[in-house]
Amino acid sequence: SSSFFNSSTSIMIDTLKGKTIKEAKEVIATFIGMIKREITDEEELKKLEDAIAFRNVSHMPARVKCALLAWHTIEDILDKK
């Protein structure tokens, strides 16, 4: 599952690159909402760009934590700024 974590982290970096902190926080919240199945609106999910590829992870409980780890970490860092 480390390769899964690495691909989630890599896509996260590509998706957040060049965004403001406010935009990045919105993308992070959308990604987490998608994984938790709280956000399903297609228009809303478009802002995830390539990270939308992880939408089916929500059906794989063992991978959810792995997929979210980096996203929660960067969210914590941005919240401290």
PDB file of N, CA and C in Angstrom:
ATOM      1  N   SER A   1       0.807  -1.206   0.000  1.00  0.00           N
ATOM      2  CA  SER A   1       0.000   0.000   0.000  1.00  0.00           C
ATOM      3  C   SER A   1       0.850   1.270   0.000  1.00  0.00           C
ATOM      4  N   SER A   2       2.184   1.144   0.122  1.00  0.00           N
ATOM      5  CA  SER A   2       3.008   2.358   0.079  1.00  0.00           C
ATOM      6  C   SER A   2       3.015   2.979  -1.319  1.00  0.00           C
ATOM      7  N   SER A   3       2.911   2.146  -2.366  1.00  0.00           N
ATOM      8  CA  SER A   3       2.862   2.714  -3.714  1.00  0.00           C
ATOM      9  C   SER A   3       1.541   3.464  -3.918  1.00  0.00           C
ATOM     10  N   PHE A   4       0.494   2.983  -3.253  1.00  0.00           N
ATOM     11  CA  PHE A   4      -0.800   3.659  -3.312  1.00  0.00           C
ATOM     12  C   PHE A   4      -0.695   5.021  -2.625  1.00  0.00           C
ATOM     13  N   PHE A   5      -0.064   5.045  -1.458  1.00  0.00           N
ATOM     14  CA  PHE A   5       0.164   6.299  -0.734  1.00  0.00           C
ATOM     15  C   PHE A   5       0.998   7.256  -1.589  1.00  0.00           C
ATOM     16  N   ASN A   6       2.050   6.724  -2.223  1.00  0.00           N
ATOM     17  CA  ASN A   6       2.921   7.559  -3.055  1.00  0.00           C
ATOM     18  C   ASN A   6       2.174   8.164  -4.230  1.00  0.00           C
ATOM     19  N   SER A   7       1.299   7.388  -4.871  1.00  0.00           N
ATOM     20  CA  SER A   7       0.576   7.934  -6.024  1.00  0.00           C
ATOM     21  C   SER A   7      -0.432   8.989  -5.570  1.00  0.00           C
ATOM     22  N   SER A   8      -1.066   8.776  -4.419  1.00  0.00           N
ATOM     23  CA  SER A   8      -2.000   9.768  -3.884  1.00  0.00           C
ATOM     24  C   SER A   8      -1.250  11.067  -3.560  1.00  0.00           C
ATOM     25  N   THR A   9      -0.081  10.926  -2.949  1.00  0.00           N
ATOM     26  CA  THR A   9       0.730  12.089  -2.578  1.00  0.00           C
ATOM     27  C   THR A   9       1.207  12.832  -3.823  1.00  0.00           C
ATOM     28  N   SER A  10       1.671  12.086  -4.814  1.00  0.00           N
ATOM     29  CA  SER A  10       2.165  12.684  -6.054  1.00  0.00           C
ATOM     30  C   SER A  10       1.064  13.479  -6.766  1.00  0.00           C
ATOM     31  N   ILE A  11      -0.120  12.880  -6.862  1.00  0.00           N
ATOM     32  CA  ILE A  11      -1.243  13.562  -7.514  1.00  0.00           C
ATOM     33  C   ILE A  11      -1.654  14.783  -6.696  1.00  0.00           C
ATOM     34  N   MET A  12      -1.605  14.662  -5.374  1.00  0.00           N
ATOM     35  CA  MET A  12      -1.944  15.801  -4.515  1.00  0.00           C
ATOM     36  C   MET A  12      -1.007  16.971  -4.796  1.00  0.00           C
ATOM     37  N   ILE A  13       0.280  16.705  -4.871  1.00  0.00           N
ATOM     38  CA  ILE A  13       1.267  17.763  -5.119  1.00  0.00           C
ATOM     39  C   ILE A  13       1.000  18.426  -6.468  1.00  0.00           C
ATOM     40  N   ASP A  14       0.767  17.608  -7.503  1.00  0.00           N
ATOM     41  CA  ASP A  14       0.490  18.162  -8.837  1.00  0.00           C
ATOM     42  C   ASP A  14      -0.786  19.001  -8.845  1.00  0.00           C
ATOM     43  N   THR A  15      -1.796  18.552  -8.115  1.00  0.00           N
ATOM     44  CA  THR A  15      -3.091  19.236  -8.093  1.00  0.00           C
ATOM     45  C   THR A  15      -3.008  20.556  -7.334  1.00  0.00           C
ATOM     46  N   LEU A  16      -2.221  20.604  -6.271  1.00  0.00           N
ATOM     47  CA  LEU A  16      -2.162  21.807  -5.430  1.00  0.00           C
ATOM     48  C   LEU A  16      -1.122  22.825  -5.897  1.00  0.00           C
ATOM     49  N   LYS A  17      -0.202  22.384  -6.737  1.00  0.00           N
ATOM     50  CA  LYS A  17       0.879  23.253  -7.219  1.00  0.00           C
ATOM     51  C   LYS A  17       0.319  24.521  -7.866  1.00  0.00           C
ATOM     52  N   GLY A  18       0.836  25.673  -7.467  1.00  0.00           N
ATOM     53  CA  GLY A  18       0.442  26.936  -8.085  1.00  0.00           C
ATOM     54  C   GLY A  18      -0.856  27.524  -7.554  1.00  0.00           C
ATOM     55  N   LYS A  19      -1.498  26.844  -6.599  1.00  0.00           N
ATOM     56  CA  LYS A  19      -2.754  27.361  -6.057  1.00  0.00           C
ATOM     57  C   LYS A  19      -2.477  28.219  -4.822  1.00  0.00           C
ATOM     58  N   THR A  20      -3.400  29.137  -4.545  1.00  0.00           N
ATOM     59  CA  THR A  20      -3.293  29.915  -3.306  1.00  0.00           C
ATOM     60  C   THR A  20      -3.637  28.988  -2.147  1.00  0.00           C
ATOM     61  N   ILE A  21      -3.339  29.426  -0.933  1.00  0.00           N
ATOM     62  CA  ILE A  21      -3.673  28.618   0.244  1.00  0.00           C
ATOM     63  C   ILE A  21      -5.183  28.394   0.302  1.00  0.00           C
ATOM     64  N   LYS A  22      -5.954  29.432  -0.004  1.00  0.00           N
ATOM     65  CA  LYS A  22      -7.421  29.317   0.021  1.00  0.00           C
ATOM     66  C   LYS A  22      -7.897  28.275  -1.001  1.00  0.00           C
ATOM     67  N   GLU A  23      -7.372  28.352  -2.226  1.00  0.00           N
ATOM     68  CA  GLU A  23      -7.744  27.383  -3.274  1.00  0.00           C
ATOM     69  C   GLU A  23      -7.330  25.970  -2.871  1.00  0.00           C
ATOM     70  N   ALA A  24      -6.120  25.850  -2.331  1.00  0.00           N
ATOM     71  CA  ALA A  24      -5.609  24.534  -1.919  1.00  0.00           C
ATOM     72  C   ALA A  24      -6.509  23.928  -0.847  1.00  0.00           C
ATOM     73  N   LYS A  25      -6.923  24.748   0.122  1.00  0.00           N
ATOM     74  CA  LYS A  25      -7.803  24.249   1.188  1.00  0.00           C
ATOM     75  C   LYS A  25      -9.127  23.760   0.624  1.00  0.00           C
ATOM     76  N   GLU A  26      -9.647  24.459  -0.388  1.00  0.00           N
ATOM     77  CA  GLU A  26     -10.905  24.051  -1.028  1.00  0.00           C
ATOM     78  C   GLU A  26     -10.739  22.698  -1.716  1.00  0.00           C
ATOM     79  N   VAL A  27      -9.623  22.540  -2.430  1.00  0.00           N
ATOM     80  CA  VAL A  27      -9.355  21.279  -3.132  1.00  0.00           C
ATOM     81  C   VAL A  27      -9.207  20.141  -2.123  1.00  0.00           C
ATOM     82  N   ILE A  28      -8.474  20.388  -1.049  1.00  0.00           N
ATOM     83  CA  ILE A  28      -8.260  19.370  -0.015  1.00  0.00           C
ATOM     84  C   ILE A  28      -9.596  18.955   0.602  1.00  0.00           C
ATOM     85  N   ALA A  29     -10.422  19.947   0.941  1.00  0.00           N
ATOM     86  CA  ALA A  29     -11.736  19.657   1.544  1.00  0.00           C
ATOM     87  C   ALA A  29     -12.604  18.846   0.574  1.00  0.00           C
ATOM     88  N   THR A  30     -12.514  19.175  -0.710  1.00  0.00           N
ATOM     89  CA  THR A  30     -13.287  18.444  -1.719  1.00  0.00           C
ATOM     90  C   THR A  30     -12.800  17.007  -1.843  1.00  0.00           C
ATOM     91  N   PHE A  31     -11.475  16.821  -1.858  1.00  0.00           N
ATOM     92  CA  PHE A  31     -10.918  15.474  -1.959  1.00  0.00           C
ATOM     93  C   PHE A  31     -11.352  14.614  -0.769  1.00  0.00           C
ATOM     94  N   ILE A  32     -11.202  15.173   0.431  1.00  0.00           N
ATOM     95  CA  ILE A  32     -11.581  14.431   1.637  1.00  0.00           C
ATOM     96  C   ILE A  32     -13.079  14.125   1.611  1.00  0.00           C
ATOM     97  N   GLY A  33     -13.877  15.108   1.192  1.00  0.00           N
ATOM     98  CA  GLY A  33     -15.321  14.900   1.080  1.00  0.00           C
ATOM     99  C   GLY A  33     -15.675  13.817   0.075  1.00  0.00           C
ATOM    100  N   MET A  34     -14.923  13.774  -1.027  1.00  0.00           N
ATOM    101  CA  MET A  34     -15.154  12.739  -2.045  1.00  0.00           C
ATOM    102  C   MET A  34     -14.853  11.352  -1.471  1.00  0.00           C
ATOM    103  N   ILE A  35     -13.710  11.229  -0.797  1.00  0.00           N
ATOM    104  CA  ILE A  35     -13.312   9.926  -0.249  1.00  0.00           C
ATOM    105  C   ILE A  35     -14.302   9.461   0.822  1.00  0.00           C
ATOM    106  N   LYS A  36     -14.811  10.425   1.597  1.00  0.00           N
ATOM    107  CA  LYS A  36     -15.776  10.073   2.651  1.00  0.00           C
ATOM    108  C   LYS A  36     -17.199   9.958   2.104  1.00  0.00           C
ATOM    109  N   ARG A  37     -17.338  10.133   0.797  1.00  0.00           N
ATOM    110  CA  ARG A  37     -18.634  10.061   0.110  1.00  0.00           C
ATOM    111  C   ARG A  37     -19.616  11.132   0.580  1.00  0.00           C
ATOM    112  N   GLU A  38     -19.079  12.268   1.028  1.00  0.00           N
ATOM    113  CA  GLU A  38     -19.926  13.393   1.446  1.00  0.00           C
ATOM    114  C   GLU A  38     -20.147  14.344   0.277  1.00  0.00           C
ATOM    115  N   ILE A  39     -19.231  14.323  -0.692  1.00  0.00           N
ATOM    116  CA  ILE A  39     -19.352  15.182  -1.880  1.00  0.00           C
ATOM    117  C   ILE A  39     -19.425  14.275  -3.105  1.00  0.00           C
ATOM    118  N   THR A  40     -20.514  14.389  -3.853  1.00  0.00           N
ATOM    119  CA  THR A  40     -20.685  13.560  -5.051  1.00  0.00           C
ATOM    120  C   THR A  40     -21.000  14.405  -6.285  1.00  0.00           C
ATOM    121  N   ASP A  41     -21.176  15.713  -6.090  1.00  0.00           N
ATOM    122  CA  ASP A  41     -21.530  16.599  -7.196  1.00  0.00           C
ATOM    123  C   ASP A  41     -20.396  16.682  -8.218  1.00  0.00           C
ATOM    124  N   GLU A  42     -20.710  16.341  -9.476  1.00  0.00           N
ATOM    125  CA  GLU A  42     -19.691  16.300 -10.538  1.00  0.00           C
ATOM    126  C   GLU A  42     -18.992  17.652 -10.724  1.00  0.00           C
ATOM    127  N   GLU A  43     -19.752  18.724 -10.691  1.00  0.00           N
ATOM    128  CA  GLU A  43     -19.165  20.068 -10.873  1.00  0.00           C
ATOM    129  C   GLU A  43     -18.151  20.364  -9.770  1.00  0.00           C
ATOM    130  N   GLU A  44     -18.534  20.015  -8.558  1.00  0.00           N
ATOM    131  CA  GLU A  44     -17.669  20.220  -7.397  1.00  0.00           C
ATOM    132  C   GLU A  44     -16.392  19.385  -7.526  1.00  0.00           C
ATOM    133  N   LEU A  45     -16.538  18.154  -7.998  1.00  0.00           N
ATOM    134  CA  LEU A  45     -15.394  17.240  -8.091  1.00  0.00           C
ATOM    135  C   LEU A  45     -14.420  17.613  -9.211  1.00  0.00           C
ATOM    136  N   LYS A  46     -14.877  18.407 -10.180  1.00  0.00           N
ATOM    137  CA  LYS A  46     -13.995  18.798 -11.299  1.00  0.00           C
ATOM    138  C   LYS A  46     -12.753  19.547 -10.824  1.00  0.00           C
ATOM    139  N   LYS A  47     -12.871  20.269  -9.712  1.00  0.00           N
ATOM    140  CA  LYS A  47     -11.725  21.039  -9.212  1.00  0.00           C
ATOM    141  C   LYS A  47     -10.589  20.131  -8.725  1.00  0.00           C
ATOM    142  N   LEU A  48     -10.875  18.831  -8.598  1.00  0.00           N
ATOM    143  CA  LEU A  48      -9.851  17.883  -8.152  1.00  0.00           C
ATOM    144  C   LEU A  48      -8.879  17.506  -9.266  1.00  0.00           C
ATOM    145  N   GLU A  49      -9.219  17.864 -10.516  1.00  0.00           N
ATOM    146  CA  GLU A  49      -8.364  17.520 -11.652  1.00  0.00           C
ATOM    147  C   GLU A  49      -8.062  16.010 -11.634  1.00  0.00           C
ATOM    148  N   ASP A  50      -6.786  15.630 -11.692  1.00  0.00           N
ATOM    149  CA  ASP A  50      -6.429  14.197 -11.766  1.00  0.00           C
ATOM    150  C   ASP A  50      -6.740  13.427 -10.483  1.00  0.00           C
ATOM    151  N   ALA A  51      -6.878  14.134  -9.372  1.00  0.00           N
ATOM    152  CA  ALA A  51      -7.139  13.461  -8.093  1.00  0.00           C
ATOM    153  C   ALA A  51      -8.514  12.794  -8.072  1.00  0.00           C
ATOM    154  N   ILE A  52      -9.355  13.152  -9.028  1.00  0.00           N
ATOM    155  CA  ILE A  52     -10.682  12.515  -9.124  1.00  0.00           C
ATOM    156  C   ILE A  52     -10.537  11.013  -9.392  1.00  0.00           C
ATOM    157  N   ALA A  53      -9.389  10.603  -9.876  1.00  0.00           N
ATOM    158  CA  ALA A  53      -9.128   9.181 -10.136  1.00  0.00           C
ATOM    159  C   ALA A  53      -9.255   8.337  -8.864  1.00  0.00           C
ATOM    160  N   PHE A  54      -9.187   8.988  -7.711  1.00  0.00           N
ATOM    161  CA  PHE A  54      -9.257   8.260  -6.441  1.00  0.00           C
ATOM    162  C   PHE A  54     -10.682   8.115  -5.911  1.00  0.00           C
ATOM    163  N   ARG A  55     -11.679   8.514  -6.707  1.00  0.00           N
ATOM    164  CA  ARG A  55     -13.061   8.512  -6.208  1.00  0.00           C
ATOM    165  C   ARG A  55     -13.533   7.132  -5.768  1.00  0.00           C
ATOM    166  N   ASN A  56     -13.070   6.065  -6.407  1.00  0.00           N
ATOM    167  CA  ASN A  56     -13.540   4.724  -6.044  1.00  0.00           C
ATOM    168  C   ASN A  56     -12.861   4.144  -4.802  1.00  0.00           C
ATOM    169  N   VAL A  57     -11.881   4.878  -4.285  1.00  0.00           N
ATOM    170  CA  VAL A  57     -11.191   4.439  -3.067  1.00  0.00           C
ATOM    171  C   VAL A  57     -12.175   4.348  -1.905  1.00  0.00           C
ATOM    172  N   SER A  58     -13.214   5.168  -1.955  1.00  0.00           N
ATOM    173  CA  SER A  58     -14.193   5.163  -0.867  1.00  0.00           C
ATOM    174  C   SER A  58     -14.836   3.791  -0.681  1.00  0.00           C
ATOM    175  N   HIS A  59     -14.778   2.955  -1.717  1.00  0.00           N
ATOM    176  CA  HIS A  59     -15.341   1.602  -1.629  1.00  0.00           C
ATOM    177  C   HIS A  59     -14.312   0.591  -1.113  1.00  0.00           C
ATOM    178  N   MET A  60     -13.096   1.066  -0.815  1.00  0.00           N
ATOM    179  CA  MET A  60     -12.028   0.172  -0.338  1.00  0.00           C
ATOM    180  C   MET A  60     -11.536   0.667   1.019  1.00  0.00           C
ATOM    181  N   PRO A  61     -12.229   0.320   2.091  1.00  0.00           N
ATOM    182  CA  PRO A  61     -11.904   0.864   3.426  1.00  0.00           C
ATOM    183  C   PRO A  61     -10.426   0.774   3.803  1.00  0.00           C
ATOM    184  N   ALA A  62      -9.765  -0.294   3.415  1.00  0.00           N
ATOM    185  CA  ALA A  62      -8.349  -0.455   3.786  1.00  0.00           C
ATOM    186  C   ALA A  62      -7.472   0.613   3.137  1.00  0.00           C
ATOM    187  N   ARG A  63      -7.935   1.182   2.025  1.00  0.00           N
ATOM    188  CA  ARG A  63      -7.112   2.165   1.312  1.00  0.00           C
ATOM    189  C   ARG A  63      -7.491   3.609   1.619  1.00  0.00           C
ATOM    190  N   VAL A  64      -8.632   3.798   2.250  1.00  0.00           N
ATOM    191  CA  VAL A  64      -9.096   5.159   2.533  1.00  0.00           C
ATOM    192  C   VAL A  64      -8.079   5.921   3.375  1.00  0.00           C
ATOM    193  N   LYS A  65      -7.642   5.317   4.478  1.00  0.00           N
ATOM    194  CA  LYS A  65      -6.689   5.967   5.384  1.00  0.00           C
ATOM    195  C   LYS A  65      -5.400   6.319   4.651  1.00  0.00           C
ATOM    196  N   CYS A  66      -4.954   5.384   3.834  1.00  0.00           N
ATOM    197  CA  CYS A  66      -3.738   5.564   3.053  1.00  0.00           C
ATOM    198  C   CYS A  66      -3.878   6.735   2.073  1.00  0.00           C
ATOM    199  N   ALA A  67      -5.007   6.798   1.402  1.00  0.00           N
ATOM    200  CA  ALA A  67      -5.238   7.855   0.411  1.00  0.00           C
ATOM    201  C   ALA A  67      -5.342   9.218   1.074  1.00  0.00           C
ATOM    202  N   LEU A  68      -5.875   9.256   2.293  1.00  0.00           N
ATOM    203  CA  LEU A  68      -6.124  10.540   2.962  1.00  0.00           C
ATOM    204  C   LEU A  68      -4.940  11.069   3.759  1.00  0.00           C
ATOM    205  N   LEU A  69      -3.994  10.206   4.080  1.00  0.00           N
ATOM    206  CA  LEU A  69      -2.905  10.595   4.985  1.00  0.00           C
ATOM    207  C   LEU A  69      -2.193  11.877   4.559  1.00  0.00           C
ATOM    208  N   ALA A  70      -1.712  11.923   3.348  1.00  0.00           N
ATOM    209  CA  ALA A  70      -0.974  13.105   2.880  1.00  0.00           C
ATOM    210  C   ALA A  70      -1.879  14.331   2.829  1.00  0.00           C
ATOM    211  N   TRP A  71      -3.137  14.123   2.416  1.00  0.00           N
ATOM    212  CA  TRP A  71      -4.084  15.241   2.302  1.00  0.00           C
ATOM    213  C   TRP A  71      -4.382  15.846   3.674  1.00  0.00           C
ATOM    214  N   HIS A  72      -4.570  15.003   4.683  1.00  0.00           N
ATOM    215  CA  HIS A  72      -4.801  15.500   6.040  1.00  0.00           C
ATOM    216  C   HIS A  72      -3.554  16.209   6.567  1.00  0.00           C
ATOM    217  N   THR A  73      -2.386  15.686   6.240  1.00  0.00           N
ATOM    218  CA  THR A  73      -1.132  16.282   6.701  1.00  0.00           C
ATOM    219  C   THR A  73      -0.962  17.687   6.139  1.00  0.00           C
ATOM    220  N   ILE A  74      -1.173  17.842   4.829  1.00  0.00           N
ATOM    221  CA  ILE A  74      -1.014  19.170   4.214  1.00  0.00           C
ATOM    222  C   ILE A  74      -2.102  20.116   4.702  1.00  0.00           C
ATOM    223  N   GLU A  75      -3.290  19.584   4.981  1.00  0.00           N
ATOM    224  CA  GLU A  75      -4.377  20.405   5.536  1.00  0.00           C
ATOM    225  C   GLU A  75      -3.967  20.968   6.891  1.00  0.00           C
ATOM    226  N   ASP A  76      -3.373  20.127   7.740  1.00  0.00           N
ATOM    227  CA  ASP A  76      -2.899  20.570   9.057  1.00  0.00           C
ATOM    228  C   ASP A  76      -1.841  21.657   8.921  1.00  0.00           C
ATOM    229  N   ILE A  77      -0.932  21.477   7.981  1.00  0.00           N
ATOM    230  CA  ILE A  77       0.140  22.464   7.755  1.00  0.00           C
ATOM    231  C   ILE A  77      -0.463  23.800   7.316  1.00  0.00           C
ATOM    232  N   LEU A  78      -1.405  23.767   6.366  1.00  0.00           N
ATOM    233  CA  LEU A  78      -2.015  24.996   5.881  1.00  0.00           C
ATOM    234  C   LEU A  78      -2.850  25.685   6.949  1.00  0.00           C
ATOM    235  N   ASP A  79      -3.482  24.909   7.824  1.00  0.00           N
ATOM    236  CA  ASP A  79      -4.274  25.490   8.896  1.00  0.00           C
ATOM    237  C   ASP A  79      -3.413  26.237   9.906  1.00  0.00           C
ATOM    238  N   LYS A  80      -2.149  25.840  10.010  1.00  0.00           N
ATOM    239  CA  LYS A  80      -1.236  26.495  10.956  1.00  0.00           C
ATOM    240  C   LYS A  80      -0.655  27.787  10.384  1.00  0.00           C
ATOM    241  N   LYS A  81      -0.818  28.011   9.080  1.00  0.00           N
ATOM    242  CA  LYS A  81      -0.240  29.190   8.416  1.00  0.00           C
ATOM    243  C   LYS A  81      -1.117  30.406   8.641  1.00  0.00           C
TER     244      LYS A  81
END
